[in-house]
């Protein structure tokens, strides 16, 4: 049996939460998948963060309470889903970058008709929101209460998968002066669902 993650889990530094999210299970809209790649974002000390200059109507959810979704529209093209971390009042979030599909895979293919293999369904932040039907209406949802059935669950020993190596790299797609050199991307090395590079 899997346990839903609590506010206590999320209410810590994003750099602590991010690698611990790997291997956990995202559940949404009758679909589920194992988180295999994430990126950590902080606030005033992270120029790559949307919360770098303080709260705005768009980023207010990033400042707490922890355990909520922060969903934003990127480049006028696609949605990205983040988990709000850090104690309430502080800014922090973890971007969900890639997921290994587990259930509801037919529905994922219906949303991602260009995908020809399971590993193409959720191998990137925009792909996974498409596959899981997550859009701007999910912004601010409380994962700790499974609002609209969206939650992240712990994997118990009985359900645990083979131990894997957690690797790190610089975050992907940030421009110069945005903390592009910081090794705040965490992923399961060798997992075919991981996006970008390196693997």
Protein backbone atom coordinates (compact mmCIF):
# COMPACT_ATOMS: atom_id res chain seq x y z
CA UNK A 1 0.00 0.00 0.00
CA UNK A 2 1.31 3.44 -0.91
CA UNK A 3 1.13 6.47 1.39
CA UNK A 4 0.38 10.02 0.26
CA UNK A 5 3.22 12.48 0.91
CA UNK A 6 2.50 15.00 3.66
CA UNK A 7 3.13 18.69 4.16
CA UNK A 8 6.04 17.78 6.43
CA UNK A 9 7.76 16.07 3.50
CA UNK A 10 7.33 19.08 1.23
CA UNK A 11 8.10 21.75 3.84
CA UNK A 12 11.88 21.51 3.42
CA UNK A 13 14.59 22.98 1.20
CA UNK A 14 13.86 22.14 -2.47
CA UNK A 15 17.42 20.80 -2.76
CA UNK A 16 16.53 18.21 -0.12
CA UNK A 17 13.07 17.40 -1.45
CA UNK A 18 14.04 17.14 -5.13
CA UNK A 19 16.16 13.96 -5.01
CA UNK A 20 13.75 12.39 -2.52
CA UNK A 21 10.89 12.84 -5.00
CA UNK A 22 12.62 10.45 -7.39
CA UNK A 23 10.91 7.08 -7.33
CA UNK A 24 7.69 8.50 -5.88
CA UNK A 25 4.43 8.05 -7.82
CA UNK A 26 2.42 10.90 -9.34
CA UNK A 27 -1.30 10.16 -9.59
CA UNK A 28 -3.64 12.37 -11.64
CA UNK A 29 -6.72 11.94 -13.81
CA UNK A 30 -6.72 8.16 -13.55
CA UNK A 31 -3.08 7.95 -14.60
CA UNK A 32 0.08 7.29 -12.62
CA UNK A 33 3.82 7.22 -13.14
CA UNK A 34 7.12 7.03 -11.31
CA UNK A 35 9.02 10.32 -11.05
CA UNK A 36 12.48 9.86 -12.61
CA UNK A 37 13.70 13.43 -13.21
CA UNK A 38 13.24 16.74 -11.38
CA UNK A 39 14.84 20.18 -10.98
CA UNK A 40 15.05 22.24 -7.79
CA UNK A 41 14.30 25.97 -7.70
CA UNK A 42 14.70 28.34 -4.78
CA UNK A 43 13.75 32.00 -4.33
CA UNK A 44 15.81 35.14 -3.80
CA UNK A 45 19.13 33.28 -4.12
CA UNK A 46 18.18 31.56 -7.39
CA UNK A 47 18.03 33.74 -10.53
CA UNK A 48 16.56 30.80 -12.43
CA UNK A 49 13.47 30.79 -10.20
CA UNK A 50 10.20 32.51 -11.00
CA UNK A 51 10.23 33.68 -7.37
CA UNK A 52 13.63 35.37 -7.61
CA UNK A 53 12.19 38.90 -7.39
CA UNK A 54 9.51 38.11 -4.83
CA UNK A 55 5.87 37.09 -5.05
CA UNK A 56 3.62 38.17 -7.92
CA UNK A 57 0.06 37.12 -8.73
CA UNK A 58 1.58 34.42 -10.97
CA UNK A 59 4.10 33.09 -8.44
CA UNK A 60 2.29 33.59 -5.13
CA UNK A 61 1.66 29.85 -4.79
CA UNK A 62 5.46 29.24 -4.78
CA UNK A 63 5.70 30.98 -1.40
CA UNK A 64 3.58 28.40 0.36
CA UNK A 65 2.03 26.50 1.89
CA UNK A 66 4.16 23.53 0.83
CA UNK A 67 2.68 20.55 -0.95
CA UNK A 68 0.68 22.49 -3.53
CA UNK A 69 1.06 22.45 -7.32
CA UNK A 70 2.54 25.43 -9.14
CA UNK A 71 1.53 25.15 -12.79
CA UNK A 72 2.61 27.74 -15.34
CA UNK A 73 2.46 28.27 -19.10
CA UNK A 74 5.93 28.16 -20.67
CA UNK A 75 6.92 30.07 -23.83
CA UNK A 76 3.25 30.45 -24.72
CA UNK A 77 3.23 26.80 -25.76
CA UNK A 78 2.88 24.30 -22.92
CA UNK A 79 2.24 23.75 -19.22
CA UNK A 80 4.85 22.82 -16.62
CA UNK A 81 4.03 21.34 -13.21
CA UNK A 82 6.01 22.03 -10.04
CA UNK A 83 5.67 20.89 -6.44
CA UNK A 84 5.87 23.76 -3.92
CA UNK A 85 8.51 23.10 -1.26
CA UNK A 86 10.17 24.97 1.65
CA UNK A 87 8.46 26.27 4.81
CA UNK A 88 5.45 28.51 4.22
CA UNK A 89 6.51 32.07 3.43
CA UNK A 90 9.73 30.96 1.74
CA UNK A 91 9.94 30.40 -1.99
CA UNK A 92 10.75 26.99 -3.36
CA UNK A 93 9.56 24.49 -5.93
CA UNK A 94 10.60 21.32 -7.70
CA UNK A 95 9.86 21.00 -11.42
CA UNK A 96 8.61 17.58 -12.52
CA UNK A 97 10.69 16.90 -15.64
CA UNK A 98 10.08 13.25 -16.50
CA UNK A 99 7.96 10.31 -15.40
CA UNK A 100 7.99 6.59 -16.12
CA UNK A 101 4.38 5.67 -17.06
CA UNK A 102 2.73 3.03 -14.89
CA UNK A 103 -1.06 3.18 -15.34
CA UNK A 104 -3.55 4.88 -17.63
CA UNK A 105 -1.13 4.55 -20.50
CA UNK A 106 -3.85 4.40 -23.17
CA UNK A 107 -5.13 7.80 -22.01
CA UNK A 108 -1.57 9.13 -22.17
CA UNK A 109 -1.24 8.01 -25.78
CA UNK A 110 -4.57 9.67 -26.60
CA UNK A 111 -3.12 12.97 -25.35
CA UNK A 112 0.26 12.41 -26.99
CA UNK A 113 -0.52 10.99 -30.48
CA UNK A 114 3.02 11.69 -31.70
CA UNK A 115 4.44 9.24 -29.15
CA UNK A 116 5.27 5.80 -30.51
CA UNK A 117 6.84 4.28 -27.39
CA UNK A 118 6.05 4.48 -23.67
CA UNK A 119 9.32 6.30 -23.07
CA UNK A 120 8.15 9.13 -25.34
CA UNK A 121 5.02 9.82 -23.30
CA UNK A 122 6.43 11.73 -20.30
CA UNK A 123 10.11 12.35 -21.11
CA UNK A 124 9.99 16.10 -20.57
CA UNK A 125 8.02 18.61 -18.48
CA UNK A 126 5.60 19.56 -21.27
CA UNK A 127 5.11 15.96 -22.37
CA UNK A 128 4.19 14.79 -18.89
CA UNK A 129 1.61 17.53 -18.33
CA UNK A 130 0.06 16.67 -21.70
CA UNK A 131 0.05 12.95 -20.89
CA UNK A 132 -1.54 13.54 -17.45
CA UNK A 133 -3.98 16.25 -18.67
CA UNK A 134 -2.54 18.81 -16.25
CA UNK A 135 -3.17 22.44 -17.19
CA UNK A 136 -3.50 25.85 -15.56
CA UNK A 137 -6.67 24.86 -13.72
CA UNK A 138 -4.46 22.64 -11.53
CA UNK A 139 -2.41 25.59 -10.26
CA UNK A 140 -2.60 25.77 -6.47
CA UNK A 141 -4.10 22.31 -5.90
CA UNK A 142 -3.19 20.76 -2.55
CA UNK A 143 -1.36 17.48 -3.15
CA UNK A 144 -1.44 16.64 0.56
CA UNK A 145 -5.26 16.47 0.38
CA UNK A 146 -5.39 14.89 -3.09
CA UNK A 147 -7.54 17.71 -4.45
CA UNK A 148 -9.16 16.62 -7.73
CA UNK A 149 -7.49 13.25 -7.14
CA UNK A 150 -3.97 14.62 -7.72
CA UNK A 151 -1.30 13.42 -5.31
CA UNK A 152 2.22 12.06 -4.99
CA UNK A 153 2.60 8.78 -3.16
CA UNK A 154 5.45 7.11 -1.31
CA UNK A 155 6.57 3.71 -2.56
CA UNK A 156 6.53 1.16 0.26
CA UNK A 157 9.04 -1.68 0.54
CA UNK A 158 6.54 -4.11 -0.95
CA UNK A 159 6.24 -1.97 -4.07
CA UNK A 160 9.83 -0.76 -4.27
CA UNK A 161 11.63 -1.07 -7.57
CA UNK A 162 15.26 -1.99 -8.05
CA UNK A 163 17.64 0.51 -6.47
CA UNK A 164 18.99 2.98 -9.01
CA UNK A 165 21.70 5.60 -9.06
CA UNK A 166 20.64 9.20 -8.56
CA UNK A 167 22.68 11.49 -10.83
CA UNK A 168 22.88 15.27 -11.00
CA UNK A 169 23.55 17.86 -13.67
CA UNK A 170 22.95 21.52 -14.43
CA UNK A 171 19.34 22.47 -14.99
CA UNK A 172 18.16 22.44 -18.61
CA UNK A 173 17.15 25.45 -20.70
CA UNK A 174 18.27 28.28 -18.43
CA UNK A 175 20.04 31.24 -19.98
CA UNK A 176 23.27 32.92 -18.91
CA UNK A 177 23.03 34.47 -15.47
CA UNK A 178 20.10 32.24 -14.47
CA UNK A 179 22.08 29.80 -12.33
CA UNK A 180 22.68 27.56 -15.32
CA UNK A 181 25.84 26.18 -13.70
CA UNK A 182 24.11 24.91 -10.55
CA UNK A 183 23.83 21.09 -10.37
CA UNK A 184 20.18 21.15 -9.29
CA UNK A 185 18.79 18.64 -11.75
CA UNK A 186 18.33 15.15 -10.30
CA UNK A 187 17.50 12.02 -12.26
CA UNK A 188 17.67 8.23 -12.30
CA UNK A 189 20.75 7.43 -14.33
CA UNK A 190 20.04 5.08 -17.20
CA UNK A 191 16.26 5.39 -17.06
CA UNK A 192 14.98 5.59 -20.64
CA UNK A 193 12.22 8.03 -19.68
CA UNK A 194 14.66 10.77 -18.60
CA UNK A 195 14.63 13.87 -20.80
CA UNK A 196 17.47 15.89 -22.24
CA UNK A 197 21.07 15.16 -21.39
CA UNK A 198 23.24 13.76 -19.91
CA UNK A 199 21.80 10.37 -18.97
